Amino acid sequence: MRRSILAATALAALITSTLAQNAPAPADKPGTGSVQGDDTMTDVDPELLAGCKREAAQKKLKGAERATFMNTCVEPED
């Protein structure tokens, strides 16, 4: 009887750990798409990025609206 309980417990632990390893990665938040966050803009001039961040904060932009603003703010105009 003890061996059966021990075997069942070990099997449950094995299954649980296997399922945890194969769990899918969490999806992005809805609506974020491929929009970059402020911290991922490493190829942008730091002074320009700081100015864009200040302007976004003054306008009280958040979420997708802020991300869109930041992308257009740091992109050079042709």
N, C-alpha and C. Protein backbone atom coordinates (compact mmCIF):
# COMPACT_ATOMS: atom_id res chain seq x y z
N MET A 1 0.82 -1.19 0.00
CA MET A 1 0.00 0.00 0.00
C MET A 1 0.87 1.26 0.00
N ARG A 2 1.92 1.25 0.86
CA ARG A 2 2.81 2.40 0.92
C ARG A 2 3.51 2.61 -0.41
N ARG A 3 3.92 1.55 -1.05
CA ARG A 3 4.60 1.66 -2.33
C ARG A 3 3.68 2.25 -3.39
N SER A 4 2.42 1.91 -3.34
CA SER A 4 1.45 2.45 -4.31
C SER A 4 1.29 3.95 -4.12
N ILE A 5 1.19 4.39 -2.88
CA ILE A 5 1.05 5.82 -2.59
C ILE A 5 2.32 6.55 -2.99
N LEU A 6 3.46 5.99 -2.66
CA LEU A 6 4.74 6.59 -3.01
C LEU A 6 4.90 6.68 -4.53
N ALA A 7 4.54 5.63 -5.23
CA ALA A 7 4.64 5.62 -6.69
C ALA A 7 3.69 6.64 -7.30
N ALA A 8 2.48 6.74 -6.78
CA ALA A 8 1.50 7.71 -7.30
C ALA A 8 1.98 9.14 -7.06
N THR A 9 2.55 9.39 -5.89
CA THR A 9 3.06 10.72 -5.58
C THR A 9 4.23 11.07 -6.50
N ALA A 10 5.14 10.14 -6.70
CA ALA A 10 6.29 10.37 -7.57
C ALA A 10 5.82 10.62 -9.01
N LEU A 11 4.84 9.85 -9.46
CA LEU A 11 4.32 10.02 -10.80
C LEU A 11 3.65 11.39 -10.96
N ALA A 12 2.89 11.80 -9.96
CA ALA A 12 2.24 13.11 -10.01
C ALA A 12 3.28 14.23 -10.06
N ALA A 13 4.35 14.11 -9.28
CA ALA A 13 5.41 15.12 -9.29
C ALA A 13 6.11 15.17 -10.64
N LEU A 14 6.34 14.00 -11.23
CA LEU A 14 6.99 13.93 -12.53
C LEU A 14 6.12 14.57 -13.61
N ILE A 15 4.85 14.27 -13.61
CA ILE A 15 3.93 14.83 -14.60
C ILE A 15 3.85 16.34 -14.44
N THR A 16 3.75 16.80 -13.20
CA THR A 16 3.65 18.24 -12.95
C THR A 16 4.89 18.97 -13.45
N SER A 17 6.07 18.44 -13.17
CA SER A 17 7.29 19.11 -13.61
C SER A 17 7.43 19.08 -15.13
N THR A 18 6.99 18.00 -15.75
CA THR A 18 7.05 17.90 -17.21
C THR A 18 6.11 18.91 -17.85
N LEU A 19 4.92 19.04 -17.32
CA LEU A 19 3.97 20.00 -17.87
C LEU A 19 4.46 21.43 -17.68
N ALA A 20 5.08 21.71 -16.56
CA ALA A 20 5.59 23.06 -16.29
C ALA A 20 6.70 23.42 -17.28
N GLN A 21 7.52 22.45 -17.66
CA GLN A 21 8.61 22.72 -18.60
C GLN A 21 8.09 22.95 -20.01
N ASN A 22 6.97 22.34 -20.34
CA ASN A 22 6.42 22.45 -21.69
C ASN A 22 5.34 23.51 -21.81
N ALA A 23 5.15 24.31 -20.78
CA ALA A 23 4.12 25.34 -20.82
C ALA A 23 4.51 26.39 -21.87
N PRO A 24 3.53 26.88 -22.62
CA PRO A 24 3.84 27.90 -23.62
C PRO A 24 4.26 29.22 -22.95
N ALA A 25 5.08 29.96 -23.66
CA ALA A 25 5.52 31.26 -23.14
C ALA A 25 4.32 32.20 -23.07
N PRO A 26 4.29 33.08 -22.09
CA PRO A 26 3.17 34.01 -21.99
C PRO A 26 3.12 34.92 -23.21
N ALA A 27 1.94 35.17 -23.69
CA ALA A 27 1.76 36.03 -24.86
C ALA A 27 1.90 37.48 -24.47
N ASP A 28 2.20 38.32 -25.46
CA ASP A 28 2.27 39.75 -25.21
C ASP A 28 0.90 40.24 -24.78
N LYS A 29 0.90 41.39 -24.14
CA LYS A 29 -0.36 41.98 -23.75
C LYS A 29 -1.15 42.30 -25.01
N PRO A 30 -2.48 42.17 -24.96
CA PRO A 30 -3.27 42.47 -26.15
C PRO A 30 -3.04 43.91 -26.61
N GLY A 31 -2.92 44.06 -27.89
CA GLY A 31 -2.79 45.40 -28.46
C GLY A 31 -1.37 45.92 -28.52
N THR A 32 -0.38 45.18 -28.00
CA THR A 32 0.99 45.68 -28.05
C THR A 32 1.65 45.41 -29.38
N GLY A 33 1.32 44.30 -30.02
CA GLY A 33 1.86 43.99 -31.34
C GLY A 33 3.37 44.06 -31.33
N SER A 34 3.95 44.69 -32.35
CA SER A 34 5.40 44.78 -32.45
C SER A 34 5.91 46.17 -32.08
N VAL A 35 5.12 46.92 -31.32
CA VAL A 35 5.52 48.27 -30.94
C VAL A 35 6.62 48.17 -29.90
N GLN A 36 7.69 48.93 -30.09
CA GLN A 36 8.82 48.91 -29.17
C GLN A 36 8.50 49.71 -27.92
N GLY A 37 9.04 49.26 -26.79
CA GLY A 37 8.94 50.03 -25.57
C GLY A 37 10.10 51.01 -25.51
N ASP A 38 10.02 51.96 -24.58
CA ASP A 38 11.07 52.97 -24.44
C ASP A 38 12.43 52.34 -24.20
N ASP A 39 12.47 51.26 -23.42
CA ASP A 39 13.74 50.65 -23.03
C ASP A 39 14.39 49.85 -24.14
N THR A 40 13.66 49.51 -25.20
CA THR A 40 14.24 48.71 -26.28
C THR A 40 14.81 49.57 -27.39
N MET A 41 14.74 50.86 -27.27
CA MET A 41 15.23 51.76 -28.30
C MET A 41 16.70 52.08 -28.04
N THR A 42 17.56 51.07 -28.21
CA THR A 42 18.97 51.24 -27.90
C THR A 42 19.76 51.89 -29.02
N ASP A 43 19.21 51.93 -30.23
CA ASP A 43 19.93 52.51 -31.36
C ASP A 43 19.59 53.98 -31.56
N VAL A 44 18.93 54.60 -30.59
CA VAL A 44 18.50 55.99 -30.69
C VAL A 44 19.42 56.85 -29.83
N ASP A 45 19.70 58.06 -30.31
CA ASP A 45 20.50 59.01 -29.56
C ASP A 45 19.88 59.21 -28.17
N PRO A 46 20.64 59.01 -27.10
CA PRO A 46 20.10 59.12 -25.74
C PRO A 46 19.47 60.47 -25.43
N GLU A 47 20.04 61.55 -25.96
CA GLU A 47 19.47 62.88 -25.71
C GLU A 47 18.13 63.03 -26.40
N LEU A 48 18.01 62.53 -27.62
CA LEU A 48 16.75 62.58 -28.35
C LEU A 48 15.70 61.74 -27.63
N LEU A 49 16.09 60.55 -27.19
CA LEU A 49 15.18 59.66 -26.49
C LEU A 49 14.69 60.30 -25.19
N ALA A 50 15.58 60.95 -24.46
CA ALA A 50 15.21 61.61 -23.21
C ALA A 50 14.21 62.73 -23.47
N GLY A 51 14.43 63.48 -24.55
CA GLY A 51 13.51 64.56 -24.91
C GLY A 51 12.13 64.02 -25.28
N CYS A 52 12.11 62.92 -26.01
CA CYS A 52 10.84 62.30 -26.39
C CYS A 52 10.11 61.77 -25.16
N LYS A 53 10.85 61.18 -24.23
CA LYS A 53 10.24 60.68 -23.00
C LYS A 53 9.63 61.82 -22.18
N ARG A 54 10.37 62.95 -22.10
CA ARG A 54 9.84 64.11 -21.37
C ARG A 54 8.55 64.62 -22.00
N GLU A 55 8.57 64.71 -23.32
CA GLU A 55 7.39 65.20 -24.04
C GLU A 55 6.20 64.26 -23.86
N ALA A 56 6.45 62.95 -23.91
CA ALA A 56 5.38 61.98 -23.70
C ALA A 56 4.82 62.08 -22.28
N ALA A 57 5.70 62.31 -21.32
CA ALA A 57 5.26 62.46 -19.93
C ALA A 57 4.43 63.73 -19.75
N GLN A 58 4.84 64.82 -20.41
CA GLN A 58 4.09 66.07 -20.32
C GLN A 58 2.70 65.91 -20.92
N LYS A 59 2.61 65.14 -22.00
CA LYS A 59 1.32 64.90 -22.65
C LYS A 59 0.52 63.81 -21.93
N LYS A 60 1.13 63.18 -20.90
CA LYS A 60 0.50 62.13 -20.11
C LYS A 60 0.04 60.96 -20.98
N LEU A 61 0.91 60.57 -21.93
CA LEU A 61 0.60 59.45 -22.81
C LEU A 61 0.93 58.14 -22.13
N LYS A 62 0.11 57.13 -22.36
CA LYS A 62 0.33 55.80 -21.79
C LYS A 62 -0.02 54.74 -22.81
N GLY A 63 0.55 53.56 -22.61
CA GLY A 63 0.21 52.39 -23.42
C GLY A 63 0.57 52.54 -24.89
N ALA A 64 -0.35 52.08 -25.73
CA ALA A 64 -0.11 52.08 -27.18
C ALA A 64 0.05 53.50 -27.72
N GLU A 65 -0.69 54.44 -27.13
CA GLU A 65 -0.60 55.83 -27.59
C GLU A 65 0.82 56.37 -27.35
N ARG A 66 1.40 56.05 -26.19
CA ARG A 66 2.76 56.48 -25.88
C ARG A 66 3.76 55.80 -26.82
N ALA A 67 3.58 54.51 -27.05
CA ALA A 67 4.49 53.76 -27.91
C ALA A 67 4.47 54.33 -29.33
N THR A 68 3.31 54.64 -29.83
CA THR A 68 3.19 55.22 -31.18
C THR A 68 3.89 56.57 -31.22
N PHE A 69 3.66 57.39 -30.20
CA PHE A 69 4.30 58.70 -30.14
C PHE A 69 5.82 58.56 -30.10
N MET A 70 6.31 57.63 -29.25
CA MET A 70 7.75 57.45 -29.10
C MET A 70 8.38 57.01 -30.42
N ASN A 71 7.72 56.10 -31.13
CA ASN A 71 8.26 55.63 -32.41
C ASN A 71 8.33 56.76 -33.43
N THR A 72 7.32 57.60 -33.49
CA THR A 72 7.34 58.69 -34.46
C THR A 72 8.29 59.81 -34.01
N CYS A 73 8.46 59.97 -32.71
CA CYS A 73 9.33 61.01 -32.19
C CYS A 73 10.80 60.73 -32.48
N VAL A 74 11.21 59.48 -32.37
CA VAL A 74 12.62 59.16 -32.53
C VAL A 74 13.01 58.83 -33.97
N GLU A 75 12.03 58.61 -34.85
CA GLU A 75 12.35 58.31 -36.24
C GLU A 75 12.75 59.59 -36.96
N PRO A 76 13.84 59.54 -37.72
CA PRO A 76 14.23 60.73 -38.47
C PRO A 76 13.24 61.00 -39.59
N GLU A 77 12.94 62.26 -39.80
CA GLU A 77 12.03 62.63 -40.88
C GLU A 77 12.81 62.70 -42.18
N ASP A 78 12.24 62.15 -43.23
CA ASP A 78 12.92 62.15 -44.53
C ASP A 78 12.64 63.41 -45.31
